[in-house]
Amino acid sequence: LPLERALTALAEESESLPQRHLVAGLRAE
């Protein structure tokens, strides 16, 4: 799986809102 899609999947599956924001920020970068 491409890194961008992997980060997208992890951001969507994150139960913690701060963790979701962090992973989403990494994906955006």
PDB file of all heavy atoms in Angstrom:
ATOM      1  N   LEU A   1       0.846  -1.193   0.000  1.00  0.00           N
ATOM      2  CA  LEU A   1       0.000   0.000   0.000  1.00  0.00           C
ATOM      3  C   LEU A   1       0.886   1.248   0.000  1.00  0.00           C
ATOM      4  O   LEU A   1       1.845   1.333   0.771  1.00  0.00           O
ATOM      5  CB  LEU A   1      -0.888  -0.002   1.247  1.00  0.00           C
ATOM      6  CG  LEU A   1      -2.100   0.936   1.244  1.00  0.00           C
ATOM      7  CD1 LEU A   1      -3.110   0.491   0.192  1.00  0.00           C
ATOM      8  CD2 LEU A   1      -2.742   0.950   2.633  1.00  0.00           C
ATOM      9  N   PRO A   2       0.600   2.230  -0.854  1.00  0.00           N
ATOM     10  CA  PRO A   2       1.392   3.475  -0.839  1.00  0.00           C
ATOM     11  C   PRO A   2       1.336   4.146   0.523  1.00  0.00           C
ATOM     12  O   PRO A   2       0.348   4.016   1.263  1.00  0.00           O
ATOM     13  CB  PRO A   2       0.723   4.336  -1.924  1.00  0.00           C
ATOM     14  CG  PRO A   2       0.021   3.365  -2.809  1.00  0.00           C
ATOM     15  CD  PRO A   2      -0.407   2.232  -1.930  1.00  0.00           C
ATOM     16  N   LEU A   3       2.406   4.859   0.853  1.00  0.00           N
ATOM     17  CA  LEU A   3       2.499   5.483   2.167  1.00  0.00           C
ATOM     18  C   LEU A   3       1.342   6.438   2.420  1.00  0.00           C
ATOM     19  O   LEU A   3       0.793   6.478   3.533  1.00  0.00           O
ATOM     20  CB  LEU A   3       3.836   6.230   2.286  1.00  0.00           C
ATOM     21  CG  LEU A   3       4.093   6.952   3.605  1.00  0.00           C
ATOM     22  CD1 LEU A   3       4.078   5.982   4.781  1.00  0.00           C
ATOM     23  CD2 LEU A   3       5.429   7.697   3.549  1.00  0.00           C
ATOM     24  N   GLU A   4       0.943   7.216   1.397  1.00  0.00           N
ATOM     25  CA  GLU A   4      -0.149   8.163   1.585  1.00  0.00           C
ATOM     26  C   GLU A   4      -1.448   7.454   1.958  1.00  0.00           C
ATOM     27  O   GLU A   4      -2.176   7.890   2.858  1.00  0.00           O
ATOM     28  CB  GLU A   4      -0.359   8.995   0.306  1.00  0.00           C
ATOM     29  CG  GLU A   4       0.802   9.890  -0.056  1.00  0.00           C
ATOM     30  CD  GLU A   4       1.881   9.137  -0.820  1.00  0.00           C
ATOM     31  OE1 GLU A   4       1.750   7.901  -0.992  1.00  0.00           O
ATOM     32  OE2 GLU A   4       2.866   9.779  -1.237  1.00  0.00           O
ATOM     33  N   ARG A   5      -1.742   6.356   1.269  1.00  0.00           N
ATOM     34  CA  ARG A   5      -2.971   5.612   1.572  1.00  0.00           C
ATOM     35  C   ARG A   5      -2.882   4.932   2.931  1.00  0.00           C
ATOM     36  O   ARG A   5      -3.882   4.811   3.641  1.00  0.00           O
ATOM     37  CB  ARG A   5      -3.236   4.584   0.464  1.00  0.00           C
ATOM     38  CG  ARG A   5      -3.593   5.206  -0.880  1.00  0.00           C
ATOM     39  CD  ARG A   5      -3.947   4.140  -1.901  1.00  0.00           C
ATOM     40  NE  ARG A   5      -5.084   3.335  -1.443  1.00  0.00           N
ATOM     41  CZ  ARG A   5      -5.524   2.238  -2.079  1.00  0.00           C
ATOM     42  NH1 ARG A   5      -4.903   1.828  -3.195  1.00  0.00           N
ATOM     43  NH2 ARG A   5      -6.556   1.564  -1.624  1.00  0.00           N
ATOM     44  N   ALA A   6      -1.676   4.482   3.297  1.00  0.00           N
ATOM     45  CA  ALA A   6      -1.506   3.873   4.615  1.00  0.00           C
ATOM     46  C   ALA A   6      -1.782   4.891   5.715  1.00  0.00           C
ATOM     47  O   ALA A   6      -2.467   4.597   6.710  1.00  0.00           O
ATOM     48  CB  ALA A   6      -0.095   3.313   4.753  1.00  0.00           C
ATOM     49  N   LEU A   7      -1.263   6.115   5.556  1.00  0.00           N
ATOM     50  CA  LEU A   7      -1.514   7.162   6.543  1.00  0.00           C
ATOM     51  C   LEU A   7      -2.986   7.549   6.563  1.00  0.00           C
ATOM     52  O   LEU A   7      -3.551   7.833   7.630  1.00  0.00           O
ATOM     53  CB  LEU A   7      -0.649   8.385   6.230  1.00  0.00           C
ATOM     54  CG  LEU A   7       0.854   8.209   6.467  1.00  0.00           C
ATOM     55  CD1 LEU A   7       1.630   9.404   5.928  1.00  0.00           C
ATOM     56  CD2 LEU A   7       1.140   8.022   7.953  1.00  0.00           C
ATOM     57  N   THR A   8      -3.622   7.553   5.403  1.00  0.00           N
ATOM     58  CA  THR A   8      -5.056   7.849   5.351  1.00  0.00           C
ATOM     59  C   THR A   8      -5.853   6.811   6.131  1.00  0.00           C
ATOM     60  O   THR A   8      -6.755   7.151   6.910  1.00  0.00           O
ATOM     61  CB  THR A   8      -5.532   7.897   3.888  1.00  0.00           C
ATOM     62  OG1 THR A   8      -4.813   8.904   3.184  1.00  0.00           O
ATOM     63  CG2 THR A   8      -7.020   8.195   3.815  1.00  0.00           C
ATOM     64  N   ALA A   9      -5.517   5.540   5.918  1.00  0.00           N
ATOM     65  CA  ALA A   9      -6.231   4.472   6.628  1.00  0.00           C
ATOM     66  C   ALA A   9      -6.024   4.573   8.134  1.00  0.00           C
ATOM     67  O   ALA A   9      -6.970   4.408   8.908  1.00  0.00           O
ATOM     68  CB  ALA A   9      -5.761   3.107   6.111  1.00  0.00           C
ATOM     69  N   LEU A  10      -4.796   4.869   8.563  1.00  0.00           N
ATOM     70  CA  LEU A  10      -4.518   4.975   9.991  1.00  0.00           C
ATOM     71  C   LEU A  10      -5.204   6.198  10.600  1.00  0.00           C
ATOM     72  O   LEU A  10      -5.653   6.159  11.748  1.00  0.00           O
ATOM     73  CB  LEU A  10      -3.011   5.043  10.233  1.00  0.00           C
ATOM     74  CG  LEU A  10      -2.233   3.763   9.936  1.00  0.00           C
ATOM     75  CD1 LEU A  10      -0.742   3.977  10.153  1.00  0.00           C
ATOM     76  CD2 LEU A  10      -2.727   2.621  10.803  1.00  0.00           C
ATOM     77  N   ALA A  11      -5.273   7.280   9.830  1.00  0.00           N
ATOM     78  CA  ALA A  11      -5.962   8.475  10.334  1.00  0.00           C
ATOM     79  C   ALA A  11      -7.442   8.201  10.521  1.00  0.00           C
ATOM     80  O   ALA A  11      -8.052   8.628  11.514  1.00  0.00           O
ATOM     81  CB  ALA A  11      -5.750   9.646   9.370  1.00  0.00           C
ATOM     82  N   GLU A  12      -8.045   7.467   9.596  1.00  0.00           N
ATOM     83  CA  GLU A  12      -9.470   7.174   9.700  1.00  0.00           C
ATOM     84  C   GLU A  12      -9.780   6.187  10.816  1.00  0.00           C
ATOM     85  O   GLU A  12     -10.855   6.241  11.423  1.00  0.00           O
ATOM     86  CB  GLU A  12      -9.970   6.622   8.362  1.00  0.00           C
ATOM     87  CG  GLU A  12      -9.933   7.644   7.229  1.00  0.00           C
ATOM     88  CD  GLU A  12     -10.302   7.036   5.892  1.00  0.00           C
ATOM     89  OE1 GLU A  12     -10.437   5.785   5.831  1.00  0.00           O
ATOM     90  OE2 GLU A  12     -10.452   7.783   4.902  1.00  0.00           O
ATOM     91  N   GLU A  13      -8.831   5.291  11.105  1.00  0.00           N
ATOM     92  CA  GLU A  13      -9.061   4.270  12.117  1.00  0.00           C
ATOM     93  C   GLU A  13      -8.638   4.708  13.517  1.00  0.00           C
ATOM     94  O   GLU A  13      -8.877   3.981  14.483  1.00  0.00           O
ATOM     95  CB  GLU A  13      -8.304   2.991  11.747  1.00  0.00           C
ATOM     96  CG  GLU A  13      -8.806   2.316  10.480  1.00  0.00           C
ATOM     97  CD  GLU A  13     -10.250   1.863  10.610  1.00  0.00           C
ATOM     98  OE1 GLU A  13     -10.651   1.454  11.716  1.00  0.00           O
ATOM     99  OE2 GLU A  13     -10.978   1.930   9.601  1.00  0.00           O
ATOM    100  N   SER A  14      -8.009   5.863  13.635  1.00  0.00           N
ATOM    101  CA  SER A  14      -7.542   6.324  14.947  1.00  0.00           C
ATOM    102  C   SER A  14      -8.728   6.604  15.859  1.00  0.00           C
ATOM    103  O   SER A  14      -9.662   7.317  15.479  1.00  0.00           O
ATOM    104  CB  SER A  14      -6.683   7.585  14.803  1.00  0.00           C
ATOM    105  OG  SER A  14      -5.533   7.325  14.034  1.00  0.00           O
ATOM    106  N   GLU A  15      -8.685   6.031  17.058  1.00  0.00           N
ATOM    107  CA  GLU A  15      -9.748   6.265  18.023  1.00  0.00           C
ATOM    108  C   GLU A  15      -9.574   7.589  18.759  1.00  0.00           C
ATOM    109  O   GLU A  15     -10.543   8.197  19.198  1.00  0.00           O
ATOM    110  CB  GLU A  15      -9.792   5.110  19.035  1.00  0.00           C
ATOM    111  CG  GLU A  15     -10.100   3.757  18.408  1.00  0.00           C
ATOM    112  CD  GLU A  15     -10.123   2.644  19.428  1.00  0.00           C
ATOM    113  OE1 GLU A  15      -9.858   2.937  20.622  1.00  0.00           O
ATOM    114  OE2 GLU A  15     -10.402   1.494  19.052  1.00  0.00           O
ATOM    115  N   SER A  16      -8.336   8.035  18.898  1.00  0.00           N
ATOM    116  CA  SER A  16      -8.050   9.286  19.596  1.00  0.00           C
ATOM    117  C   SER A  16      -8.055  10.447  18.604  1.00  0.00           C
ATOM    118  O   SER A  16      -7.435  10.366  17.535  1.00  0.00           O
ATOM    119  CB  SER A  16      -6.685   9.194  20.297  1.00  0.00           C
ATOM    120  OG  SER A  16      -6.254  10.462  20.738  1.00  0.00           O
ATOM    121  N   LEU A  17      -8.760  11.517  18.954  1.00  0.00           N
ATOM    122  CA  LEU A  17      -8.807  12.686  18.085  1.00  0.00           C
ATOM    123  C   LEU A  17      -7.431  13.328  17.913  1.00  0.00           C
ATOM    124  O   LEU A  17      -7.043  13.659  16.775  1.00  0.00           O
ATOM    125  CB  LEU A  17      -9.814  13.701  18.627  1.00  0.00           C
ATOM    126  CG  LEU A  17      -9.997  14.979  17.791  1.00  0.00           C
ATOM    127  CD1 LEU A  17     -10.501  14.638  16.395  1.00  0.00           C
ATOM    128  CD2 LEU A  17     -10.951  15.943  18.496  1.00  0.00           C
ATOM    129  N   PRO A  18      -6.637  13.523  18.977  1.00  0.00           N
ATOM    130  CA  PRO A  18      -5.288  14.071  18.771  1.00  0.00           C
ATOM    131  C   PRO A  18      -4.434  13.199  17.865  1.00  0.00           C
ATOM    132  O   PRO A  18      -3.680  13.713  17.035  1.00  0.00           O
ATOM    133  CB  PRO A  18      -4.717  14.140  20.196  1.00  0.00           C
ATOM    134  CG  PRO A  18      -5.908  14.224  21.079  1.00  0.00           C
ATOM    135  CD  PRO A  18      -6.945  13.394  20.414  1.00  0.00           C
ATOM    136  N   GLN A  19      -4.553  11.883  18.006  1.00  0.00           N
ATOM    137  CA  GLN A  19      -3.787  10.990  17.139  1.00  0.00           C
ATOM    138  C   GLN A  19      -4.250  11.101  15.696  1.00  0.00           C
ATOM    139  O   GLN A  19      -3.441  11.094  14.766  1.00  0.00           O
ATOM    140  CB  GLN A  19      -3.926   9.551  17.643  1.00  0.00           C
ATOM    141  CG  GLN A  19      -3.028   8.558  16.931  1.00  0.00           C
ATOM    142  CD  GLN A  19      -3.162   7.157  17.497  1.00  0.00           C
ATOM    143  OE1 GLN A  19      -3.482   6.216  16.778  1.00  0.00           O
ATOM    144  NE2 GLN A  19      -2.937   7.023  18.791  1.00  0.00           N
ATOM    145  N   ARG A  20      -5.558  11.236  15.510  1.00  0.00           N
ATOM    146  CA  ARG A  20      -6.093  11.396  14.159  1.00  0.00           C
ATOM    147  C   ARG A  20      -5.576  12.679  13.523  1.00  0.00           C
ATOM    148  O   ARG A  20      -5.198  12.707  12.357  1.00  0.00           O
ATOM    149  CB  ARG A  20      -7.621  11.399  14.210  1.00  0.00           C
ATOM    150  CG  ARG A  20      -8.295  11.368  12.842  1.00  0.00           C
ATOM    151  CD  ARG A  20      -9.803  11.390  12.999  1.00  0.00           C
ATOM    152  NE  ARG A  20     -10.235  10.340  13.918  1.00  0.00           N
ATOM    153  CZ  ARG A  20     -11.285  10.453  14.731  1.00  0.00           C
ATOM    154  NH1 ARG A  20     -11.981  11.571  14.770  1.00  0.00           N
ATOM    155  NH2 ARG A  20     -11.614   9.448  15.518  1.00  0.00           N
ATOM    156  N   HIS A  21      -5.527  13.745  14.312  1.00  0.00           N
ATOM    157  CA  HIS A  21      -5.013  15.012  13.793  1.00  0.00           C
ATOM    158  C   HIS A  21      -3.533  14.904  13.447  1.00  0.00           C
ATOM    159  O   HIS A  21      -3.086  15.433  12.418  1.00  0.00           O
ATOM    160  CB  HIS A  21      -5.225  16.115  14.830  1.00  0.00           C
ATOM    161  CG  HIS A  21      -6.645  16.590  14.895  1.00  0.00           C
ATOM    162  ND1 HIS A  21      -7.073  17.531  15.790  1.00  0.00           N
ATOM    163  CD2 HIS A  21      -7.738  16.235  14.178  1.00  0.00           C
ATOM    164  CE1 HIS A  21      -8.368  17.757  15.618  1.00  0.00           C
ATOM    165  NE2 HIS A  21      -8.792  16.979  14.657  1.00  0.00           N
ATOM    166  N   LEU A  22      -2.773  14.250  14.292  1.00  0.00           N
ATOM    167  CA  LEU A  22      -1.338  14.109  14.039  1.00  0.00           C
ATOM    168  C   LEU A  22      -1.080  13.328  12.760  1.00  0.00           C
ATOM    169  O   LEU A  22      -0.284  13.739  11.907  1.00  0.00           O
ATOM    170  CB  LEU A  22      -0.676  13.424  15.229  1.00  0.00           C
ATOM    171  CG  LEU A  22       0.814  13.090  15.078  1.00  0.00           C
ATOM    172  CD1 LEU A  22       1.621  14.353  14.836  1.00  0.00           C
ATOM    173  CD2 LEU A  22       1.332  12.353  16.300  1.00  0.00           C
ATOM    174  N   VAL A  23      -1.753  12.186  12.610  1.00  0.00           N
ATOM    175  CA  VAL A  23      -1.544  11.361  11.416  1.00  0.00           C
ATOM    176  C   VAL A  23      -2.045  12.084  10.171  1.00  0.00           C
ATOM    177  O   VAL A  23      -1.440  11.992   9.094  1.00  0.00           O
ATOM    178  CB  VAL A  23      -2.244   9.998  11.591  1.00  0.00           C
ATOM    179  CG1 VAL A  23      -2.057   9.140  10.345  1.00  0.00           C
ATOM    180  CG2 VAL A  23      -1.680   9.263  12.807  1.00  0.00           C
ATOM    181  N   ALA A  24      -3.159  12.825  10.308  1.00  0.00           N
ATOM    182  CA  ALA A  24      -3.656  13.589   9.167  1.00  0.00           C
ATOM    183  C   ALA A  24      -2.658  14.666   8.762  1.00  0.00           C
ATOM    184  O   ALA A  24      -2.470  14.940   7.565  1.00  0.00           O
ATOM    185  CB  ALA A  24      -5.009  14.219   9.514  1.00  0.00           C
ATOM    186  N   GLY A  25      -2.023  15.297   9.744  1.00  0.00           N
ATOM    187  CA  GLY A  25      -0.995  16.279   9.429  1.00  0.00           C
ATOM    188  C   GLY A  25       0.189  15.658   8.715  1.00  0.00           C
ATOM    189  O   GLY A  25       0.739  16.227   7.761  1.00  0.00           O
ATOM    190  N   LEU A  26       0.601  14.465   9.159  1.00  0.00           N
ATOM    191  CA  LEU A  26       1.690  13.761   8.481  1.00  0.00           C
ATOM    192  C   LEU A  26       1.303  13.407   7.050  1.00  0.00           C
ATOM    193  O   LEU A  26       2.106  13.555   6.117  1.00  0.00           O
ATOM    194  CB  LEU A  26       2.040  12.486   9.256  1.00  0.00           C
ATOM    195  CG  LEU A  26       2.635  12.660  10.659  1.00  0.00           C
ATOM    196  CD1 LEU A  26       2.785  11.307  11.350  1.00  0.00           C
ATOM    197  CD2 LEU A  26       3.978  13.371  10.592  1.00  0.00           C
ATOM    198  N   ARG A  27       0.080  12.955   6.871  1.00  0.00           N
ATOM    199  CA  ARG A  27      -0.391  12.620   5.524  1.00  0.00           C
ATOM    200  C   ARG A  27      -0.403  13.855   4.624  1.00  0.00           C
ATOM    201  O   ARG A  27      -0.014  13.785   3.454  1.00  0.00           O
ATOM    202  CB  ARG A  27      -1.799  12.028   5.614  1.00  0.00           C
ATOM    203  CG  ARG A  27      -2.396  11.639   4.265  1.00  0.00           C
ATOM    204  CD  ARG A  27      -3.860  11.311   4.395  1.00  0.00           C
ATOM    205  NE  ARG A  27      -4.610  12.475   4.863  1.00  0.00           N
ATOM    206  CZ  ARG A  27      -5.894  12.440   5.215  1.00  0.00           C
ATOM    207  NH1 ARG A  27      -6.561  11.284   5.179  1.00  0.00           N
ATOM    208  NH2 ARG A  27      -6.516  13.530   5.615  1.00  0.00           N
ATOM    209  N   ALA A  28      -0.837  14.989   5.166  1.00  0.00           N
ATOM    210  CA  ALA A  28      -0.858  16.218   4.371  1.00  0.00           C
ATOM    211  C   ALA A  28       0.547  16.616   3.942  1.00  0.00           C
ATOM    212  O   ALA A  28       0.766  17.036   2.795  1.00  0.00           O
ATOM    213  CB  ALA A  28      -1.512  17.341   5.184  1.00  0.00           C
ATOM    214  N   GLU A  29       1.521  16.473   4.835  1.00  0.00           N
ATOM    215  CA  GLU A  29       2.897  16.807   4.486  1.00  0.00           C
ATOM    216  C   GLU A  29       3.451  15.866   3.422  1.00  0.00           C
ATOM    217  O   GLU A  29       4.127  16.286   2.484  1.00  0.00           O
ATOM    218  CB  GLU A  29       3.778  16.756   5.742  1.00  0.00           C
ATOM    219  CG  GLU A  29       3.534  17.891   6.708  1.00  0.00           C
ATOM    220  CD  GLU A  29       3.982  19.221   6.133  1.00  0.00           C
ATOM    221  OE1 GLU A  29       5.043  19.273   5.485  1.00  0.00           O
ATOM    222  OE2 GLU A  29       3.267  20.209   6.333  1.00  0.00           O
TER     223      GLU A  29
END
